[in-house]
Full PDB file with SEQRES, HELIX, SHEET, SSBOND, CRYST1, ORIGX, SCALE, CONECT and MASTER records, all heavy atoms in Angstrom:
SEQRES   1 A   35  ARG VAL VAL LEU LEU ALA PRO GLU GLY VAL GLU PHE ILE          
SEQRES   2 A   35  ALA GLY PHE PHE GLY CYS ILE LEU ALA ALA ARG VAL VAL          
SEQRES   3 A   35  VAL PRO THR TYR PRO PRO LEU THR SER                          
HELIX    1 AA1 VAL A   10  LEU A   21  1                                  12    
SHEET    1 AA1 2 VAL A   2  LEU A   5  0                                        
SHEET    2 AA1 2 VAL A  26  THR A  29  1                                        
CRYST1    1.000    1.000    1.000  90.00  90.00  90.00 P 1           1          
ORIGX1      1.000000  0.000000  0.000000        0.00000                         
ORIGX2      0.000000  1.000000  0.000000        0.00000                         
ORIGX3      0.000000  0.000000  1.000000        0.00000                         
SCALE1      1.000000  0.000000  0.000000        0.00000                         
SCALE2      0.000000  1.000000  0.000000        0.00000                         
SCALE3      0.000000  0.000000  1.000000        0.00000                         
ATOM      1  N   ARG A   1     -32.546 -41.248 -85.048  1.00  0.00           N  
ATOM      2  CA  ARG A   1     -32.916 -42.007 -83.853  1.00  0.00           C  
ATOM      3  C   ARG A   1     -34.407 -41.838 -83.558  1.00  0.00           C  
ATOM      4  O   ARG A   1     -34.943 -40.728 -83.638  1.00  0.00           O  
ATOM      5  CB  ARG A   1     -32.080 -41.555 -82.657  1.00  0.00           C  
ATOM      6  CG  ARG A   1     -30.587 -41.800 -82.852  1.00  0.00           C  
ATOM      7  CD  ARG A   1     -29.767 -41.223 -81.716  1.00  0.00           C  
ATOM      8  NE  ARG A   1     -28.343 -41.519 -81.888  1.00  0.00           N  
ATOM      9  CZ  ARG A   1     -27.398 -41.156 -81.048  1.00  0.00           C  
ATOM     10  NH1 ARG A   1     -27.717 -40.478 -79.947  1.00  0.00           N  
ATOM     11  NH2 ARG A   1     -26.146 -41.472 -81.284  1.00  0.00           N  
ATOM     12  N   VAL A   2     -35.045 -42.944 -83.208  1.00  0.00           N  
ATOM     13  CA  VAL A   2     -36.487 -42.945 -82.923  1.00  0.00           C  
ATOM     14  C   VAL A   2     -36.716 -43.618 -81.577  1.00  0.00           C  
ATOM     15  O   VAL A   2     -36.339 -44.785 -81.392  1.00  0.00           O  
ATOM     16  CB  VAL A   2     -37.275 -43.692 -84.021  1.00  0.00           C  
ATOM     17  CG1 VAL A   2     -38.767 -43.736 -83.676  1.00  0.00           C  
ATOM     18  CG2 VAL A   2     -37.060 -43.028 -85.381  1.00  0.00           C  
ATOM     19  N   VAL A   3     -37.321 -42.907 -80.637  1.00  0.00           N  
ATOM     20  CA  VAL A   3     -37.647 -43.486 -79.333  1.00  0.00           C  
ATOM     21  C   VAL A   3     -38.951 -44.259 -79.454  1.00  0.00           C  
ATOM     22  O   VAL A   3     -39.983 -43.705 -79.847  1.00  0.00           O  
ATOM     23  CB  VAL A   3     -37.765 -42.398 -78.252  1.00  0.00           C  
ATOM     24  CG1 VAL A   3     -38.308 -42.983 -76.951  1.00  0.00           C  
ATOM     25  CG2 VAL A   3     -36.403 -41.750 -77.996  1.00  0.00           C  
ATOM     26  N   LEU A   4     -38.892 -45.538 -79.121  1.00  0.00           N  
ATOM     27  CA  LEU A   4     -40.068 -46.414 -79.196  1.00  0.00           C  
ATOM     28  C   LEU A   4     -40.694 -46.539 -77.814  1.00  0.00           C  
ATOM     29  O   LEU A   4     -40.077 -47.067 -76.888  1.00  0.00           O  
ATOM     30  CB  LEU A   4     -39.657 -47.790 -79.734  1.00  0.00           C  
ATOM     31  CG  LEU A   4     -40.731 -48.887 -79.730  1.00  0.00           C  
ATOM     32  CD1 LEU A   4     -41.946 -48.476 -80.556  1.00  0.00           C  
ATOM     33  CD2 LEU A   4     -40.146 -50.200 -80.245  1.00  0.00           C  
ATOM     34  N   LEU A   5     -41.925 -46.045 -77.687  1.00  0.00           N  
ATOM     35  CA  LEU A   5     -42.667 -46.084 -76.429  1.00  0.00           C  
ATOM     36  C   LEU A   5     -43.928 -46.906 -76.642  1.00  0.00           C  
ATOM     37  O   LEU A   5     -44.970 -46.397 -77.038  1.00  0.00           O  
ATOM     38  CB  LEU A   5     -43.029 -44.664 -75.981  1.00  0.00           C  
ATOM     39  CG  LEU A   5     -41.850 -43.747 -75.632  1.00  0.00           C  
ATOM     40  CD1 LEU A   5     -42.238 -42.292 -75.781  1.00  0.00           C  
ATOM     41  CD2 LEU A   5     -41.367 -44.022 -74.224  1.00  0.00           C  
ATOM     42  N   ALA A   6     -43.826 -48.203 -76.411  1.00  0.00           N  
ATOM     43  CA  ALA A   6     -44.964 -49.095 -76.632  1.00  0.00           C  
ATOM     44  C   ALA A   6     -44.918 -50.235 -75.628  1.00  0.00           C  
ATOM     45  O   ALA A   6     -43.835 -50.682 -75.248  1.00  0.00           O  
ATOM     46  CB  ALA A   6     -44.943 -49.652 -78.060  1.00  0.00           C  
ATOM     47  N   PRO A   7     -46.071 -50.723 -75.200  1.00  0.00           N  
ATOM     48  CA  PRO A   7     -46.102 -51.863 -74.277  1.00  0.00           C  
ATOM     49  C   PRO A   7     -45.753 -53.150 -75.005  1.00  0.00           C  
ATOM     50  O   PRO A   7     -45.661 -53.186 -76.242  1.00  0.00           O  
ATOM     51  CB  PRO A   7     -47.554 -51.876 -73.790  1.00  0.00           C  
ATOM     52  CG  PRO A   7     -48.326 -51.275 -74.934  1.00  0.00           C  
ATOM     53  CD  PRO A   7     -47.420 -50.233 -75.533  1.00  0.00           C  
ATOM     54  N   GLU A   8     -45.552 -54.220 -74.221  1.00  0.00           N  
ATOM     55  CA  GLU A   8     -45.269 -55.513 -74.831  1.00  0.00           C  
ATOM     56  C   GLU A   8     -46.411 -55.915 -75.753  1.00  0.00           C  
ATOM     57  O   GLU A   8     -47.574 -55.653 -75.472  1.00  0.00           O  
ATOM     58  CB  GLU A   8     -45.101 -56.596 -73.754  1.00  0.00           C  
ATOM     59  CG  GLU A   8     -43.973 -56.337 -72.773  1.00  0.00           C  
ATOM     60  CD  GLU A   8     -44.435 -55.593 -71.546  1.00  0.00           C  
ATOM     61  OE1 GLU A   8     -45.467 -54.897 -71.633  1.00  0.00           O  
ATOM     62  OE2 GLU A   8     -43.781 -55.707 -70.501  1.00  0.00           O  
ATOM     63  N   GLY A   9     -46.080 -56.541 -76.862  1.00  0.00           N  
ATOM     64  CA  GLY A   9     -47.111 -57.022 -77.763  1.00  0.00           C  
ATOM     65  C   GLY A   9     -46.791 -56.787 -79.219  1.00  0.00           C  
ATOM     66  O   GLY A   9     -45.661 -56.433 -79.589  1.00  0.00           O  
ATOM     67  N   VAL A  10     -47.798 -56.978 -80.045  1.00  0.00           N  
ATOM     68  CA  VAL A  10     -47.634 -56.885 -81.496  1.00  0.00           C  
ATOM     69  C   VAL A  10     -47.167 -55.501 -81.924  1.00  0.00           C  
ATOM     70  O   VAL A  10     -46.311 -55.362 -82.806  1.00  0.00           O  
ATOM     71  CB  VAL A  10     -48.959 -57.256 -82.192  1.00  0.00           C  
ATOM     72  CG1 VAL A  10     -48.876 -56.976 -83.684  1.00  0.00           C  
ATOM     73  CG2 VAL A  10     -49.291 -58.722 -81.958  1.00  0.00           C  
ATOM     74  N   GLU A  11     -47.721 -54.458 -81.310  1.00  0.00           N  
ATOM     75  CA  GLU A  11     -47.369 -53.103 -81.720  1.00  0.00           C  
ATOM     76  C   GLU A  11     -45.907 -52.784 -81.414  1.00  0.00           C  
ATOM     77  O   GLU A  11     -45.240 -52.083 -82.181  1.00  0.00           O  
ATOM     78  CB  GLU A  11     -48.305 -52.100 -81.050  1.00  0.00           C  
ATOM     79  CG  GLU A  11     -49.733 -52.165 -81.611  1.00  0.00           C  
ATOM     80  CD  GLU A  11     -50.722 -51.364 -80.799  1.00  0.00           C  
ATOM     81  OE1 GLU A  11     -50.718 -51.507 -79.567  1.00  0.00           O  
ATOM     82  OE2 GLU A  11     -51.507 -50.621 -81.410  1.00  0.00           O  
ATOM     83  N   PHE A  12     -45.403 -53.305 -80.309  1.00  0.00           N  
ATOM     84  CA  PHE A  12     -43.987 -53.102 -80.001  1.00  0.00           C  
ATOM     85  C   PHE A  12     -43.112 -53.762 -81.063  1.00  0.00           C  
ATOM     86  O   PHE A  12     -42.160 -53.157 -81.564  1.00  0.00           O  
ATOM     87  CB  PHE A  12     -43.655 -53.679 -78.622  1.00  0.00           C  
ATOM     88  CG  PHE A  12     -42.218 -53.474 -78.212  1.00  0.00           C  
ATOM     89  CD1 PHE A  12     -41.860 -52.397 -77.423  1.00  0.00           C  
ATOM     90  CD2 PHE A  12     -41.212 -54.344 -78.639  1.00  0.00           C  
ATOM     91  CE1 PHE A  12     -40.530 -52.190 -77.046  1.00  0.00           C  
ATOM     92  CE2 PHE A  12     -39.886 -54.148 -78.281  1.00  0.00           C  
ATOM     93  CZ  PHE A  12     -39.546 -53.070 -77.476  1.00  0.00           C  
ATOM     94  N   ILE A  13     -43.435 -55.004 -81.410  1.00  0.00           N  
ATOM     95  CA  ILE A  13     -42.656 -55.730 -82.418  1.00  0.00           C  
ATOM     96  C   ILE A  13     -42.734 -55.027 -83.770  1.00  0.00           C  
ATOM     97  O   ILE A  13     -41.727 -54.890 -84.481  1.00  0.00           O  
ATOM     98  CB  ILE A  13     -43.159 -57.179 -82.537  1.00  0.00           C  
ATOM     99  CG1 ILE A  13     -42.875 -57.941 -81.238  1.00  0.00           C  
ATOM    100  CG2 ILE A  13     -42.508 -57.897 -83.710  1.00  0.00           C  
ATOM    101  CD1 ILE A  13     -41.403 -58.074 -80.890  1.00  0.00           C  
ATOM    102  N   ALA A  14     -43.939 -54.562 -84.139  1.00  0.00           N  
ATOM    103  CA  ALA A  14     -44.094 -53.841 -85.402  1.00  0.00           C  
ATOM    104  C   ALA A  14     -43.278 -52.556 -85.393  1.00  0.00           C  
ATOM    105  O   ALA A  14     -42.628 -52.210 -86.391  1.00  0.00           O  
ATOM    106  CB  ALA A  14     -45.571 -53.526 -85.639  1.00  0.00           C  
ATOM    107  N   GLY A  15     -43.296 -51.849 -84.270  1.00  0.00           N  
ATOM    108  CA  GLY A  15     -42.533 -50.614 -84.165  1.00  0.00           C  
ATOM    109  C   GLY A  15     -41.036 -50.855 -84.232  1.00  0.00           C  
ATOM    110  O   GLY A  15     -40.309 -50.141 -84.927  1.00  0.00           O  
ATOM    111  N   PHE A  16     -40.575 -51.882 -83.528  1.00  0.00           N  
ATOM    112  CA  PHE A  16     -39.142 -52.185 -83.494  1.00  0.00           C  
ATOM    113  C   PHE A  16     -38.635 -52.534 -84.890  1.00  0.00           C  
ATOM    114  O   PHE A  16     -37.662 -51.943 -85.384  1.00  0.00           O  
ATOM    115  CB  PHE A  16     -38.872 -53.336 -82.527  1.00  0.00           C  
ATOM    116  CG  PHE A  16     -37.423 -53.663 -82.382  1.00  0.00           C  
ATOM    117  CD1 PHE A  16     -36.648 -53.034 -81.414  1.00  0.00           C  
ATOM    118  CD2 PHE A  16     -36.811 -54.606 -83.207  1.00  0.00           C  
ATOM    119  CE1 PHE A  16     -35.293 -53.329 -81.286  1.00  0.00           C  
ATOM    120  CE2 PHE A  16     -35.468 -54.902 -83.088  1.00  0.00           C  
ATOM    121  CZ  PHE A  16     -34.698 -54.262 -82.123  1.00  0.00           C  
ATOM    122  N   PHE A  17     -39.298 -53.493 -85.542  1.00  0.00           N  
ATOM    123  CA  PHE A  17     -38.827 -53.909 -86.857  1.00  0.00           C  
ATOM    124  C   PHE A  17     -39.136 -52.875 -87.935  1.00  0.00           C  
ATOM    125  O   PHE A  17     -38.479 -52.843 -88.975  1.00  0.00           O  
ATOM    126  CB  PHE A  17     -39.398 -55.274 -87.217  1.00  0.00           C  
ATOM    127  CG  PHE A  17     -38.681 -56.412 -86.558  1.00  0.00           C  
ATOM    128  CD1 PHE A  17     -39.218 -57.046 -85.453  1.00  0.00           C  
ATOM    129  CD2 PHE A  17     -37.445 -56.834 -87.024  1.00  0.00           C  
ATOM    130  CE1 PHE A  17     -38.547 -58.082 -84.823  1.00  0.00           C  
ATOM    131  CE2 PHE A  17     -36.761 -57.867 -86.408  1.00  0.00           C  
ATOM    132  CZ  PHE A  17     -37.308 -58.496 -85.298  1.00  0.00           C  
ATOM    133  N   GLY A  18     -40.120 -52.014 -87.693  1.00  0.00           N  
ATOM    134  CA  GLY A  18     -40.364 -50.908 -88.613  1.00  0.00           C  
ATOM    135  C   GLY A  18     -39.187 -49.956 -88.647  1.00  0.00           C  
ATOM    136  O   GLY A  18     -38.758 -49.494 -89.712  1.00  0.00           O  
ATOM    137  N   CYS A  19     -38.639 -49.668 -87.468  1.00  0.00           N  
ATOM    138  CA  CYS A  19     -37.438 -48.831 -87.388  1.00  0.00           C  
ATOM    139  C   CYS A  19     -36.265 -49.508 -88.096  1.00  0.00           C  
ATOM    140  O   CYS A  19     -35.522 -48.868 -88.854  1.00  0.00           O  
ATOM    141  CB  CYS A  19     -37.077 -48.563 -85.934  1.00  0.00           C  
ATOM    142  SG  CYS A  19     -38.226 -47.487 -85.034  1.00  0.00           S  
ATOM    143  N   ILE A  20     -36.104 -50.803 -87.843  1.00  0.00           N  
ATOM    144  CA  ILE A  20     -35.001 -51.544 -88.451  1.00  0.00           C  
ATOM    145  C   ILE A  20     -35.133 -51.555 -89.974  1.00  0.00           C  
ATOM    146  O   ILE A  20     -34.166 -51.341 -90.709  1.00  0.00           O  
ATOM    147  CB  ILE A  20     -34.971 -52.988 -87.919  1.00  0.00           C  
ATOM    148  CG1 ILE A  20     -34.662 -53.012 -86.414  1.00  0.00           C  
ATOM    149  CG2 ILE A  20     -33.964 -53.835 -88.690  1.00  0.00           C  
ATOM    150  CD1 ILE A  20     -33.308 -52.450 -86.044  1.00  0.00           C  
ATOM    151  N   LEU A  21     -36.350 -51.781 -90.456  1.00  0.00           N  
ATOM    152  CA  LEU A  21     -36.596 -51.861 -91.894  1.00  0.00           C  
ATOM    153  C   LEU A  21     -36.345 -50.521 -92.580  1.00  0.00           C  
ATOM    154  O   LEU A  21     -35.893 -50.474 -93.730  1.00  0.00           O  
ATOM    155  CB  LEU A  21     -38.036 -52.319 -92.140  1.00  0.00           C  
ATOM    156  CG  LEU A  21     -38.367 -52.921 -93.504  1.00  0.00           C  
ATOM    157  CD1 LEU A  21     -37.533 -54.167 -93.777  1.00  0.00           C  
ATOM    158  CD2 LEU A  21     -39.854 -53.262 -93.593  1.00  0.00           C  
ATOM    159  N   ALA A  22     -36.628 -49.433 -91.871  1.00  0.00           N  
ATOM    160  CA  ALA A  22     -36.442 -48.103 -92.441  1.00  0.00           C  
ATOM    161  C   ALA A  22     -35.046 -47.543 -92.182  1.00  0.00           C  
ATOM    162  O   ALA A  22     -34.769 -46.388 -92.514  1.00  0.00           O  
ATOM    163  CB  ALA A  22     -37.492 -47.141 -91.862  1.00  0.00           C  
ATOM    164  N   ALA A  23     -34.164 -48.356 -91.595  1.00  0.00           N  
ATOM    165  CA  ALA A  23     -32.794 -47.938 -91.273  1.00  0.00           C  
ATOM    166  C   ALA A  23     -32.773 -46.764 -90.316  1.00  0.00           C  
ATOM    167  O   ALA A  23     -31.920 -45.882 -90.409  1.00  0.00           O  
ATOM    168  CB  ALA A  23     -32.013 -47.607 -92.542  1.00  0.00           C  
ATOM    169  N   ARG A  24     -33.714 -46.757 -89.375  1.00  0.00           N  
ATOM    170  CA  ARG A  24     -33.692 -45.800 -88.273  1.00  0.00           C  
ATOM    171  C   ARG A  24     -33.112 -46.496 -87.049  1.00  0.00           C  
ATOM    172  O   ARG A  24     -33.239 -47.714 -86.907  1.00  0.00           O  
ATOM    173  CB  ARG A  24     -35.091 -45.290 -87.946  1.00  0.00           C  
ATOM    174  CG  ARG A  24     -35.553 -44.070 -88.758  1.00  0.00           C  
ATOM    175  CD  ARG A  24     -35.498 -44.275 -90.234  1.00  0.00           C  
ATOM    176  NE  ARG A  24     -36.117 -43.179 -90.977  1.00  0.00           N  
ATOM    177  CZ  ARG A  24     -36.105 -43.105 -92.292  1.00  0.00           C  
ATOM    178  NH1 ARG A  24     -35.506 -44.044 -93.016  1.00  0.00           N  
ATOM    179  NH2 ARG A  24     -36.687 -42.093 -92.913  1.00  0.00           N  
ATOM    180  N   VAL A  25     -32.467 -45.752 -86.190  1.00  0.00           N  
ATOM    181  CA  VAL A  25     -31.898 -46.315 -84.960  1.00  0.00           C  
ATOM    182  C   VAL A  25     -32.995 -46.319 -83.905  1.00  0.00           C  
ATOM    183  O   VAL A  25     -33.457 -45.264 -83.469  1.00  0.00           O  
ATOM    184  CB  VAL A  25     -30.698 -45.492 -84.474  1.00  0.00           C  
ATOM    185  CG1 VAL A  25     -30.141 -46.075 -83.180  1.00  0.00           C  
ATOM    186  CG2 VAL A  25     -29.615 -45.434 -85.550  1.00  0.00           C  
ATOM    187  N   VAL A  26     -33.428 -47.503 -83.500  1.00  0.00           N  
ATOM    188  CA  VAL A  26     -34.525 -47.609 -82.548  1.00  0.00           C  
ATOM    189  C   VAL A  26     -33.987 -47.510 -81.123  1.00  0.00           C  
ATOM    190  O   VAL A  26     -32.977 -48.119 -80.776  1.00  0.00           O  
ATOM    191  CB  VAL A  26     -35.324 -48.919 -82.758  1.00  0.00           C  
ATOM    192  CG1 VAL A  26     -34.447 -50.137 -82.630  1.00  0.00           C  
ATOM    193  CG2 VAL A  26     -36.492 -48.997 -81.783  1.00  0.00           C  
ATOM    194  N   VAL A  27     -34.671 -46.699 -80.317  1.00  0.00           N  
ATOM    195  CA  VAL A  27     -34.328 -46.526 -78.906  1.00  0.00           C  
ATOM    196  C   VAL A  27     -35.538 -46.986 -78.089  1.00  0.00           C  
ATOM    197  O   VAL A  27     -36.437 -46.205 -77.788  1.00  0.00           O  
ATOM    198  CB  VAL A  27     -33.983 -45.060 -78.581  1.00  0.00           C  
ATOM    199  CG1 VAL A  27     -33.500 -44.926 -77.127  1.00  0.00           C  
ATOM    200  CG2 VAL A  27     -32.931 -44.519 -79.544  1.00  0.00           C  
ATOM    201  N   PRO A  28     -35.598 -48.271 -77.745  1.00  0.00           N  
ATOM    202  CA  PRO A  28     -36.763 -48.783 -77.018  1.00  0.00           C  
ATOM    203  C   PRO A  28     -36.702 -48.420 -75.540  1.00  0.00           C  
ATOM    204  O   PRO A  28     -35.644 -48.510 -74.913  1.00  0.00           O  
ATOM    205  CB  PRO A  28     -36.665 -50.298 -77.219  1.00  0.00           C  
ATOM    206  CG  PRO A  28     -35.200 -50.561 -77.361  1.00  0.00           C  
ATOM    207  CD  PRO A  28     -34.623 -49.340 -78.047  1.00  0.00           C  
ATOM    208  N   THR A  29     -37.834 -48.006 -74.997  1.00  0.00           N  
ATOM    209  CA  THR A  29     -37.902 -47.730 -73.569  1.00  0.00           C  
ATOM    210  C   THR A  29     -39.330 -47.920 -73.097  1.00  0.00           C  
ATOM    211  O   THR A  29     -40.253 -48.030 -73.907  1.00  0.00           O  
ATOM    212  CB  THR A  29     -37.398 -46.311 -73.235  1.00  0.00           C  
ATOM    213  OG1 THR A  29     -37.260 -46.163 -71.822  1.00  0.00           O  
ATOM    214  CG2 THR A  29     -38.352 -45.246 -73.758  1.00  0.00           C  
ATOM    215  N   TYR A  30     -39.520 -47.954 -71.793  1.00  0.00           N  
ATOM    216  CA  TYR A  30     -40.842 -48.227 -71.246  1.00  0.00           C  
ATOM    217  C   TYR A  30     -41.788 -47.056 -71.520  1.00  0.00           C  
ATOM    218  O   TYR A  30     -41.401 -45.893 -71.354  1.00  0.00           O  
ATOM    219  CB  TYR A  30     -40.756 -48.477 -69.742  1.00  0.00           C  
ATOM    220  CG  TYR A  30     -39.908 -49.667 -69.386  1.00  0.00           C  
ATOM    221  CD1 TYR A  30     -38.611 -49.508 -68.888  1.00  0.00           C  
ATOM    222  CD2 TYR A  30     -40.386 -50.958 -69.550  1.00  0.00           C  
ATOM    223  CE1 TYR A  30     -37.821 -50.608 -68.571  1.00  0.00           C  
ATOM    224  CE2 TYR A  30     -39.601 -52.063 -69.233  1.00  0.00           C  
ATOM    225  CZ  TYR A  30     -38.328 -51.875 -68.749  1.00  0.00           C  
ATOM    226  OH  TYR A  30     -37.555 -52.968 -68.441  1.00  0.00           O  
ATOM    227  N   PRO A  31     -43.027 -47.324 -71.917  1.00  0.00           N  
ATOM    228  CA  PRO A  31     -43.979 -46.241 -72.130  1.00  0.00           C  
ATOM    229  C   PRO A  31     -44.377 -45.612 -70.807  1.00  0.00           C  
ATOM    230  O   PRO A  31     -44.408 -46.289 -69.770  1.00  0.00           O  
ATOM    231  CB  PRO A  31     -45.174 -46.944 -72.794  1.00  0.00           C  
ATOM    232  CG  PRO A  31     -45.086 -48.352 -72.305  1.00  0.00           C  
ATOM    233  CD  PRO A  31     -43.618 -48.648 -72.194  1.00  0.00           C  
ATOM    234  N   PRO A  32     -44.686 -44.317 -70.800  1.00  0.00           N  
ATOM    235  CA  PRO A  32     -45.052 -43.658 -69.534  1.00  0.00           C  
ATOM    236  C   PRO A  32     -46.407 -44.148 -69.031  1.00  0.00           C  
ATOM    237  O   PRO A  32     -47.334 -44.379 -69.803  1.00  0.00           O  
ATOM    238  CB  PRO A  32     -45.110 -42.179 -69.925  1.00  0.00           C  
ATOM    239  CG  PRO A  32     -45.413 -42.183 -71.394  1.00  0.00           C  
ATOM    240  CD  PRO A  32     -44.715 -43.391 -71.939  1.00  0.00           C  
ATOM    241  N   LEU A  33     -46.510 -44.300 -67.710  1.00  0.00           N  
ATOM    242  CA  LEU A  33     -47.767 -44.715 -67.094  1.00  0.00           C  
ATOM    243  C   LEU A  33     -48.676 -43.525 -66.820  1.00  0.00           C  
ATOM    244  O   LEU A  33     -49.862 -43.691 -66.517  1.00  0.00           O  
ATOM    245  CB  LEU A  33     -47.496 -45.468 -65.784  1.00  0.00           C  
ATOM    246  CG  LEU A  33     -46.669 -46.750 -65.912  1.00  0.00           C  
ATOM    247  CD1 LEU A  33     -46.389 -47.348 -64.531  1.00  0.00           C  
ATOM    248  CD2 LEU A  33     -47.386 -47.751 -66.795  1.00  0.00           C  
ATOM    249  N   THR A  34     -48.123 -42.324 -66.919  1.00  0.00           N  
ATOM    250  CA  THR A  34     -48.876 -41.112 -66.654  1.00  0.00           C  
ATOM    251  C   THR A  34     -48.322 -39.979 -67.501  1.00  0.00           C  
ATOM    252  O   THR A  34     -47.191 -40.064 -67.995  1.00  0.00           O  
ATOM    253  CB  THR A  34     -48.789 -40.733 -65.156  1.00  0.00           C  
ATOM    254  OG1 THR A  34     -49.461 -39.487 -64.927  1.00  0.00           O  
ATOM    255  CG2 THR A  34     -47.341 -40.590 -64.721  1.00  0.00           C  
ATOM    256  N   SER A  35     -49.098 -38.930 -67.677  1.00  0.00           N  
ATOM    257  CA  SER A  35     -48.627 -37.742 -68.389  1.00  0.00           C  
ATOM    258  C   SER A  35     -48.025 -36.726 -67.423  1.00  0.00           C  
ATOM    259  O   SER A  35     -47.590 -35.651 -67.831  1.00  0.00           O  
ATOM    260  CB  SER A  35     -49.782 -37.094 -69.170  1.00  0.00           C  
ATOM    261  OG  SER A  35     -50.832 -36.722 -68.296  1.00  0.00           O  
TER     262      SER A  35                                                      
MASTER        0    0    0    1    2    0    0    6  261    1    0    3          
END                                                                             
């Protein structure tokens, strides 16, 4: 399982389908606004 923390856009799509292509289970969620 891989937690995807990325804003809307190209990088989110690349991350999502990268997980799918590598047969990892993608867990998309909102990126943190602060540390």
